[in-house]
PDB file of N, CA and C in Angstrom:
ATOM      1  N   MET A   1     -29.169 -19.835  39.746  1.00  0.00           N
ATOM      2  CA  MET A   1     -31.056 -19.605  39.615  1.00  0.00           C
ATOM      3  C   MET A   1     -31.256 -19.762  41.602  1.00  0.00           C
ATOM      4  N   PRO A   2     -32.336 -19.486  41.461  1.00  0.00           N
ATOM      5  CA  PRO A   2     -33.335 -19.406  42.587  1.00  0.00           C
ATOM      6  C   PRO A   2     -33.561 -19.618  43.419  1.00  0.00           C
ATOM      7  N   LEU A   3     -33.409 -20.068  44.288  1.00  0.00           N
ATOM      8  CA  LEU A   3     -33.886 -21.085  45.897  1.00  0.00           C
ATOM      9  C   LEU A   3     -34.878 -22.177  45.581  1.00  0.00           C
ATOM     10  N   HIS A   4     -35.569 -21.207  45.399  1.00  0.00           N
ATOM     11  CA  HIS A   4     -36.819 -21.668  45.390  1.00  0.00           C
ATOM     12  C   HIS A   4     -37.243 -23.472  44.196  1.00  0.00           C
ATOM     13  N   SER A   5     -36.472 -22.258  43.097  1.00  0.00           N
ATOM     14  CA  SER A   5     -36.047 -23.237  41.473  1.00  0.00           C
ATOM     15  C   SER A   5     -35.065 -24.126  41.952  1.00  0.00           C
ATOM     16  N   ARG A   6     -34.274 -24.072  43.134  1.00  0.00           N
ATOM     17  CA  ARG A   6     -33.540 -25.185  43.220  1.00  0.00           C
ATOM     18  C   ARG A   6     -34.095 -26.070  43.959  1.00  0.00           C
ATOM     19  N   ARG A   7     -35.129 -25.941  44.635  1.00  0.00           N
ATOM     20  CA  ARG A   7     -35.818 -26.220  45.567  1.00  0.00           C
ATOM     21  C   ARG A   7     -36.487 -27.550  44.622  1.00  0.00           C
ATOM     22  N   LEU A   8     -37.057 -27.303  43.423  1.00  0.00           N
ATOM     23  CA  LEU A   8     -38.292 -28.129  43.194  1.00  0.00           C
ATOM     24  C   LEU A   8     -37.452 -28.696  42.267  1.00  0.00           C
ATOM     25  N   LEU A   9     -36.365 -28.205  41.559  1.00  0.00           N
ATOM     26  CA  LEU A   9     -35.345 -29.259  40.376  1.00  0.00           C
ATOM     27  C   LEU A   9     -34.719 -30.471  41.442  1.00  0.00           C
ATOM     28  N   ASN A  10     -34.254 -29.541  42.583  1.00  0.00           N
ATOM     29  CA  ASN A  10     -33.314 -30.652  43.027  1.00  0.00           C
ATOM     30  C   ASN A  10     -35.150 -31.796  44.041  1.00  0.00           C
ATOM     31  N   LYS A  11     -35.928 -31.611  43.946  1.00  0.00           N
ATOM     32  CA  LYS A  11     -37.000 -32.356  44.653  1.00  0.00           C
ATOM     33  C   LYS A  11     -37.814 -33.230  43.229  1.00  0.00           C
ATOM     34  N   ALA A  12     -37.412 -33.116  42.413  1.00  0.00           N
ATOM     35  CA  ALA A  12     -37.453 -34.000  41.392  1.00  0.00           C
ATOM     36  C   ALA A  12     -36.571 -34.725  40.894  1.00  0.00           C
ATOM     37  N   ALA A  13     -35.701 -34.406  40.763  1.00  0.00           N
ATOM     38  CA  ALA A  13     -34.854 -35.090  41.196  1.00  0.00           C
ATOM     39  C   ALA A  13     -34.325 -36.608  41.922  1.00  0.00           C
ATOM     40  N   VAL A  14     -34.840 -36.080  43.140  1.00  0.00           N
ATOM     41  CA  VAL A  14     -34.846 -37.500  44.436  1.00  0.00           C
ATOM     42  C   VAL A  14     -35.677 -37.857  44.009  1.00  0.00           C
ATOM     43  N   ALA A  15     -37.037 -37.657  43.347  1.00  0.00           N
ATOM     44  CA  ALA A  15     -38.209 -38.248  43.036  1.00  0.00           C
ATOM     45  C   ALA A  15     -38.114 -39.827  42.793  1.00  0.00           C
ATOM     46  N   ILE A  16     -38.693 -40.998  42.842  1.00  0.00           N
ATOM     47  CA  ILE A  16     -38.497 -42.047  42.511  1.00  0.00           C
ATOM     48  C   ILE A  16     -38.644 -42.276  40.729  1.00  0.00           C
ATOM     49  N   GLU A  17     -39.517 -41.382  39.786  1.00  0.00           N
ATOM     50  CA  GLU A  17     -39.721 -41.427  38.611  1.00  0.00           C
ATOM     51  C   GLU A  17     -39.146 -39.782  38.143  1.00  0.00           C
ATOM     52  N   GLY A  18     -38.273 -39.385  39.220  1.00  0.00           N
ATOM     53  CA  GLY A  18     -37.905 -38.131  38.354  1.00  0.00           C
ATOM     54  C   GLY A  18     -39.203 -36.846  38.032  1.00  0.00           C
ATOM     55  N   ARG A  19     -40.526 -37.365  38.867  1.00  0.00           N
ATOM     56  CA  ARG A  19     -41.060 -36.585  38.888  1.00  0.00           C
ATOM     57  C   ARG A  19     -41.215 -35.704  39.933  1.00  0.00           C
ATOM     58  N   ILE A  20     -41.860 -34.452  39.344  1.00  0.00           N
ATOM     59  CA  ILE A  20     -42.660 -33.821  40.551  1.00  0.00           C
ATOM     60  C   ILE A  20     -43.712 -32.949  39.852  1.00  0.00           C
ATOM     61  N   SER A  21     -45.111 -33.547  40.990  1.00  0.00           N
ATOM     62  CA  SER A  21     -46.446 -32.797  40.513  1.00  0.00           C
ATOM     63  C   SER A  21     -46.458 -31.615  42.372  1.00  0.00           C
ATOM     64  N   ILE A  22     -47.539 -30.855  41.130  1.00  0.00           N
ATOM     65  CA  ILE A  22     -48.780 -29.734  42.180  1.00  0.00           C
ATOM     66  C   ILE A  22     -50.334 -29.891  41.575  1.00  0.00           C
ATOM     67  N   LYS A  23     -50.741 -29.863  42.953  1.00  0.00           N
ATOM     68  CA  LYS A  23     -51.642 -29.466  42.893  1.00  0.00           C
ATOM     69  C   LYS A  23     -52.548 -28.346  42.783  1.00  0.00           C
ATOM     70  N   GLN A  24     -53.665 -28.322  41.462  1.00  0.00           N
ATOM     71  CA  GLN A  24     -54.230 -27.346  41.147  1.00  0.00           C
ATOM     72  C   GLN A  24     -55.664 -27.057  43.267  1.00  0.00           C
ATOM     73  N   ASN A  25     -55.583 -25.097  43.210  1.00  0.00           N
ATOM     74  CA  ASN A  25     -56.381 -24.748  43.787  1.00  0.00           C
ATOM     75  C   ASN A  25     -57.988 -24.818  43.802  1.00  0.00           C
ATOM     76  N   PRO A  26     -58.263 -25.621  44.467  1.00  0.00           N
ATOM     77  CA  PRO A  26     -59.853 -25.769  44.501  1.00  0.00           C
ATOM     78  C   PRO A  26     -60.651 -24.725  43.699  1.00  0.00           C
ATOM     79  N   ASP A  27     -60.094 -23.302  44.020  1.00  0.00           N
ATOM     80  CA  ASP A  27     -60.430 -22.176  42.905  1.00  0.00           C
ATOM     81  C   ASP A  27     -59.655 -21.961  41.295  1.00  0.00           C
ATOM     82  N   ARG A  28     -59.651 -23.262  41.159  1.00  0.00           N
ATOM     83  CA  ARG A  28     -58.756 -23.442  40.130  1.00  0.00           C
ATOM     84  C   ARG A  28     -58.193 -23.051  39.090  1.00  0.00           C
ATOM     85  N   ASP A  29     -57.031 -21.960  40.501  1.00  0.00           N
ATOM     86  CA  ASP A  29     -55.622 -21.343  40.091  1.00  0.00           C
ATOM     87  C   ASP A  29     -55.258 -22.475  40.334  1.00  0.00           C
ATOM     88  N   TRP A  30     -53.597 -22.166  39.906  1.00  0.00           N
ATOM     89  CA  TRP A  30     -52.103 -22.782  40.181  1.00  0.00           C
ATOM     90  C   TRP A  30     -51.508 -21.889  41.788  1.00  0.00           C
ATOM     91  N   PRO A  31     -50.757 -22.924  42.017  1.00  0.00           N
ATOM     92  CA  PRO A  31     -49.773 -22.736  42.990  1.00  0.00           C
ATOM     93  C   PRO A  31     -48.794 -21.633  42.110  1.00  0.00           C
ATOM     94  N   ARG A  32     -48.116 -20.943  43.189  1.00  0.00           N
ATOM     95  CA  ARG A  32     -46.686 -20.020  42.307  1.00  0.00           C
ATOM     96  C   ARG A  32     -46.064 -20.886  41.958  1.00  0.00           C
ATOM     97  N   ASP A  33     -45.358 -22.065  42.373  1.00  0.00           N
ATOM     98  CA  ASP A  33     -44.353 -23.042  41.980  1.00  0.00           C
ATOM     99  C   ASP A  33     -44.396 -23.866  40.411  1.00  0.00           C
ATOM    100  N   HIS A  34     -45.898 -23.491  40.196  1.00  0.00           N
ATOM    101  CA  HIS A  34     -46.627 -23.685  38.525  1.00  0.00           C
ATOM    102  C   HIS A  34     -45.717 -22.971  38.023  1.00  0.00           C
ATOM    103  N   ALA A  35     -45.760 -21.862  37.937  1.00  0.00           N
ATOM    104  CA  ALA A  35     -44.998 -20.579  36.738  1.00  0.00           C
ATOM    105  C   ALA A  35     -43.425 -20.517  36.813  1.00  0.00           C
ATOM    106  N   ARG A  36     -42.990 -21.266  38.379  1.00  0.00           N
ATOM    107  CA  ARG A  36     -41.436 -21.496  38.393  1.00  0.00           C
ATOM    108  C   ARG A  36     -41.235 -23.347  38.369  1.00  0.00           C
ATOM    109  N   LEU A  37     -42.149 -23.976  38.248  1.00  0.00           N
ATOM    110  CA  LEU A  37     -41.772 -24.700  37.001  1.00  0.00           C
ATOM    111  C   LEU A  37     -41.875 -25.103  36.224  1.00  0.00           C
ATOM    112  N   ARG A  38     -42.809 -24.273  35.188  1.00  0.00           N
ATOM    113  CA  ARG A  38     -42.880 -23.594  34.226  1.00  0.00           C
ATOM    114  C   ARG A  38     -41.314 -22.796  33.510  1.00  0.00           C
ATOM    115  N   VAL A  39     -40.607 -22.231  33.847  1.00  0.00           N
ATOM    116  CA  VAL A  39     -39.698 -21.550  33.882  1.00  0.00           C
ATOM    117  C   VAL A  39     -38.598 -22.171  33.434  1.00  0.00           C
ATOM    118  N   LEU A  40     -38.662 -23.197  34.863  1.00  0.00           N
ATOM    119  CA  LEU A  40     -37.486 -24.866  35.123  1.00  0.00           C
ATOM    120  C   LEU A  40     -37.580 -25.800  33.301  1.00  0.00           C
ATOM    121  N   GLU A  41     -39.161 -25.475  32.856  1.00  0.00           N
ATOM    122  CA  GLU A  41     -39.047 -26.272  31.797  1.00  0.00           C
ATOM    123  C   GLU A  41     -38.825 -25.493  30.820  1.00  0.00           C
ATOM    124  N   ARG A  42     -39.126 -24.488  30.527  1.00  0.00           N
ATOM    125  CA  ARG A  42     -38.553 -23.563  29.129  1.00  0.00           C
ATOM    126  C   ARG A  42     -37.497 -23.380  29.049  1.00  0.00           C
ATOM    127  N   ASN A  43     -36.681 -23.426  30.527  1.00  0.00           N
ATOM    128  CA  ASN A  43     -34.704 -23.127  30.118  1.00  0.00           C
ATOM    129  C   ASN A  43     -34.142 -24.807  29.812  1.00  0.00           C
ATOM    130  N   GLY A  44     -34.963 -25.951  30.092  1.00  0.00           N
ATOM    131  CA  GLY A  44     -34.916 -27.224  29.356  1.00  0.00           C
ATOM    132  C   GLY A  44     -34.418 -28.456  30.610  1.00  0.00           C
ATOM    133  N   ASN A  45     -34.809 -27.560  32.224  1.00  0.00           N
ATOM    134  CA  ASN A  45     -34.337 -28.477  32.889  1.00  0.00           C
ATOM    135  C   ASN A  45     -35.566 -29.917  33.496  1.00  0.00           C
ATOM    136  N   LEU A  46     -36.928 -29.320  32.431  1.00  0.00           N
ATOM    137  CA  LEU A  46     -38.104 -30.669  33.064  1.00  0.00           C
ATOM    138  C   LEU A  46     -38.760 -30.600  31.871  1.00  0.00           C
ATOM    139  N   ARG A  47     -39.559 -31.146  31.648  1.00  0.00           N
ATOM    140  CA  ARG A  47     -40.070 -31.212  30.713  1.00  0.00           C
ATOM    141  C   ARG A  47     -41.368 -31.693  31.119  1.00  0.00           C
ATOM    142  N   TRP A  48     -42.442 -31.421  30.152  1.00  0.00           N
ATOM    143  CA  TRP A  48     -43.951 -31.290  30.571  1.00  0.00           C
ATOM    144  C   TRP A  48     -44.343 -32.892  30.771  1.00  0.00           C
ATOM    145  N   VAL A  49     -45.028 -33.378  31.330  1.00  0.00           N
ATOM    146  CA  VAL A  49     -45.940 -34.224  31.191  1.00  0.00           C
ATOM    147  C   VAL A  49     -47.540 -34.691  30.687  1.00  0.00           C
ATOM    148  N   GLY A  50     -48.213 -33.762  31.753  1.00  0.00           N
ATOM    149  CA  GLY A  50     -49.633 -33.429  31.690  1.00  0.00           C
ATOM    150  C   GLY A  50     -50.161 -33.220  32.781  1.00  0.00           C
ATOM    151  N   THR A  51     -51.137 -33.068  32.734  1.00  0.00           N
ATOM    152  CA  THR A  51     -52.507 -33.411  33.598  1.00  0.00           C
ATOM    153  C   THR A  51     -53.127 -34.779  34.559  1.00  0.00           C
ATOM    154  N   GLN A  52     -53.078 -34.657  34.720  1.00  0.00           N
ATOM    155  CA  GLN A  52     -53.492 -35.775  35.499  1.00  0.00           C
ATOM    156  C   GLN A  52     -54.965 -35.716  36.866  1.00  0.00           C
ATOM    157  N   ALA A  53     -55.469 -36.643  36.670  1.00  0.00           N
ATOM    158  CA  ALA A  53     -56.787 -36.666  38.011  1.00  0.00           C
ATOM    159  C   ALA A  53     -56.223 -37.113  39.498  1.00  0.00           C
ATOM    160  N   GLY A  54     -56.260 -36.337  40.449  1.00  0.00           N
ATOM    161  CA  GLY A  54     -56.168 -37.180  41.817  1.00  0.00           C
ATOM    162  C   GLY A  54     -56.151 -38.153  42.357  1.00  0.00           C
ATOM    163  N   PRO A  55     -56.344 -39.318  42.774  1.00  0.00           N
ATOM    164  CA  PRO A  55     -56.745 -40.140  43.350  1.00  0.00           C
ATOM    165  C   PRO A  55     -58.002 -39.524  43.940  1.00  0.00           C
ATOM    166  N   HIS A  56     -59.137 -40.665  44.357  1.00  0.00           N
ATOM    167  CA  HIS A  56     -60.366 -40.536  45.555  1.00  0.00           C
ATOM    168  C   HIS A  56     -61.163 -39.173  45.186  1.00  0.00           C
ATOM    169  N   LEU A  57     -60.739 -38.612  44.205  1.00  0.00           N
ATOM    170  CA  LEU A  57     -61.319 -36.849  43.643  1.00  0.00           C
ATOM    171  C   LEU A  57     -60.666 -36.198  44.683  1.00  0.00           C
ATOM    172  N   GLY A  58     -58.910 -36.283  44.336  1.00  0.00           N
ATOM    173  CA  GLY A  58     -58.120 -35.761  45.170  1.00  0.00           C
ATOM    174  C   GLY A  58     -57.708 -34.024  44.001  1.00  0.00           C
ATOM    175  N   GLY A  59     -58.813 -33.373  43.063  1.00  0.00           N
ATOM    176  CA  GLY A  59     -57.554 -32.926  42.361  1.00  0.00           C
ATOM    177  C   GLY A  59     -57.515 -33.119  41.426  1.00  0.00           C
ATOM    178  N   THR A  60     -56.805 -31.895  40.791  1.00  0.00           N
ATOM    179  CA  THR A  60     -56.201 -31.640  39.435  1.00  0.00           C
ATOM    180  C   THR A  60     -54.816 -31.746  39.497  1.00  0.00           C
ATOM    181  N   PHE A  61     -53.806 -32.815  38.855  1.00  0.00           N
ATOM    182  CA  PHE A  61     -52.300 -32.490  38.939  1.00  0.00           C
ATOM    183  C   PHE A  61     -51.048 -32.221  38.009  1.00  0.00           C
ATOM    184  N   ALA A  62     -50.454 -31.053  38.156  1.00  0.00           N
ATOM    185  CA  ALA A  62     -49.944 -30.774  36.696  1.00  0.00           C
ATOM    186  C   ALA A  62     -48.374 -31.306  37.001  1.00  0.00           C
ATOM    187  N   VAL A  63     -47.890 -31.901  35.957  1.00  0.00           N
ATOM    188  CA  VAL A  63     -46.798 -33.068  36.508  1.00  0.00           C
ATOM    189  C   VAL A  63     -45.973 -32.452  35.379  1.00  0.00           C
ATOM    190  N   TRP A  64     -44.514 -32.587  35.895  1.00  0.00           N
ATOM    191  CA  TRP A  64     -43.788 -32.424  34.962  1.00  0.00           C
ATOM    192  C   TRP A  64     -42.417 -33.421  35.380  1.00  0.00           C
ATOM    193  N   GLN A  65     -41.309 -33.743  34.288  1.00  0.00           N
ATOM    194  CA  GLN A  65     -40.640 -34.617  34.215  1.00  0.00           C
ATOM    195  C   GLN A  65     -38.997 -34.134  34.306  1.00  0.00           C
ATOM    196  N   ILE A  66     -37.517 -34.820  35.233  1.00  0.00           N
ATOM    197  CA  ILE A  66     -36.816 -33.750  34.935  1.00  0.00           C
ATOM    198  C   ILE A  66     -35.833 -34.541  33.836  1.00  0.00           C
ATOM    199  N   THR A  67     -34.807 -33.807  33.029  1.00  0.00           N
ATOM    200  CA  THR A  67     -34.081 -34.512  32.084  1.00  0.00           C
ATOM    201  C   THR A  67     -33.339 -34.199  32.125  1.00  0.00           C
ATOM    202  N   ASP A  68     -32.303 -34.660  31.646  1.00  0.00           N
ATOM    203  CA  ASP A  68     -30.736 -35.639  32.109  1.00  0.00           C
ATOM    204  C   ASP A  68     -30.205 -34.207  32.394  1.00  0.00           C
ATOM    205  N   GLU A  69     -30.455 -32.747  30.893  1.00  0.00           N
ATOM    206  CA  GLU A  69     -29.908 -31.274  31.570  1.00  0.00           C
ATOM    207  C   GLU A  69     -30.303 -31.329  33.114  1.00  0.00           C
ATOM    208  N   GLY A  70     -31.540 -31.632  33.151  1.00  0.00           N
ATOM    209  CA  GLY A  70     -31.600 -30.618  35.222  1.00  0.00           C
ATOM    210  C   GLY A  70     -30.813 -31.795  35.679  1.00  0.00           C
ATOM    211  N   ARG A  71     -30.617 -32.960  35.692  1.00  0.00           N
ATOM    212  CA  ARG A  71     -29.715 -33.690  36.417  1.00  0.00           C
ATOM    213  C   ARG A  71     -28.159 -33.497  36.544  1.00  0.00           C
ATOM    214  N   THR A  72     -27.824 -32.797  35.562  1.00  0.00           N
ATOM    215  CA  THR A  72     -26.716 -32.385  35.345  1.00  0.00           C
ATOM    216  C   THR A  72     -26.191 -31.512  36.172  1.00  0.00           C
ATOM    217  N   ARG A  73     -27.504 -30.074  36.139  1.00  0.00           N
ATOM    218  CA  ARG A  73     -27.355 -28.945  37.238  1.00  0.00           C
ATOM    219  C   ARG A  73     -27.475 -29.626  38.362  1.00  0.00           C
ATOM    220  N   VAL A  74     -28.377 -30.171  39.108  1.00  0.00           N
ATOM    221  CA  VAL A  74     -27.882 -30.789  40.479  1.00  0.00           C
ATOM    222  C   VAL A  74     -26.941 -31.418  40.938  1.00  0.00           C
ATOM    223  N   ALA A  75     -26.590 -32.002  40.157  1.00  0.00           N
ATOM    224  CA  ALA A  75     -25.214 -32.541  39.986  1.00  0.00           C
ATOM    225  C   ALA A  75     -23.460 -31.625  40.147  1.00  0.00           C
ATOM    226  N   ALA A  76     -24.273 -30.665  39.472  1.00  0.00           N
ATOM    227  CA  ALA A  76     -23.218 -29.656  39.149  1.00  0.00           C
ATOM    228  C   ALA A  76     -22.974 -28.489  40.681  1.00  0.00           C
ATOM    229  N   TRP A  77     -24.207 -28.760  41.808  1.00  0.00           N
ATOM    230  CA  TRP A  77     -24.583 -27.893  42.547  1.00  0.00           C
ATOM    231  C   TRP A  77     -23.244 -28.157  43.944  1.00  0.00           C
ATOM    232  N   GLU A  78     -22.779 -27.645  44.335  1.00  0.00           N
ATOM    233  CA  GLU A  78     -21.610 -27.797  45.503  1.00  0.00           C
ATOM    234  C   GLU A  78     -22.893 -26.936  46.664  1.00  0.00           C
ATOM    235  N   PRO A  79     -22.432 -28.184  47.775  1.00  0.00           N
ATOM    236  CA  PRO A  79     -23.048 -28.253  48.846  1.00  0.00           C
ATOM    237  C   PRO A  79     -22.716 -26.529  49.865  1.00  0.00           C
ATOM    238  N   PRO A  80     -23.680 -26.281  50.496  1.00  0.00           N
ATOM    239  CA  PRO A  80     -23.330 -24.802  50.846  1.00  0.00           C
ATOM    240  C   PRO A  80     -22.181 -25.335  52.058  1.00  0.00           C
ATOM    241  N   ALA A  81     -21.038 -23.937  52.430  1.00  0.00           N
ATOM    242  CA  ALA A  81     -20.787 -23.907  52.513  1.00  0.00           C
ATOM    243  C   ALA A  81     -21.022 -24.067  54.602  1.00  0.00           C
ATOM    244  N   ILE A  82     -19.939 -24.742  55.025  1.00  0.00           N
ATOM    245  CA  ILE A  82     -20.277 -24.833  56.167  1.00  0.00           C
ATOM    246  C   ILE A  82     -19.142 -24.001  56.654  1.00  0.00           C
ATOM    247  N   GLU A  83     -19.666 -22.944  58.101  1.00  0.00           N
ATOM    248  CA  GLU A  83     -18.826 -22.263  59.234  1.00  0.00           C
ATOM    249  C   GLU A  83     -18.493 -22.759  60.344  1.00  0.00           C
ATOM    250  N   LEU A  84     -17.790 -22.840  61.134  1.00  0.00           N
ATOM    251  CA  LEU A  84     -17.663 -23.419  62.357  1.00  0.00           C
ATOM    252  C   LEU A  84     -17.050 -22.738  63.122  1.00  0.00           C
ATOM    253  N   GLY A  85     -17.615 -22.229  64.387  1.00  0.00           N
ATOM    254  CA  GLY A  85     -17.572 -21.433  65.006  1.00  0.00           C
ATOM    255  C   GLY A  85     -16.037 -21.333  65.414  1.00  0.00           C
TER     256      GLY A  85
END
């Protein structure tokens, strides 16, 4: 799994409700992570929650929640090896 996907899935895993969200750009396009989160969703690691309006006119956010399969995948990752001088 690419590092950016690991980063996003790990971020969801450590979140209080197991959710991850990204904010839509002012030009109504989505940041690159939106496509990466959709791939994680298609692979069963995340579940689409929906879009939500941000607080205080804060824009629109796309929201996903980590699945049991996603948590299992995160738990299976080994920490990187540390080389000692």
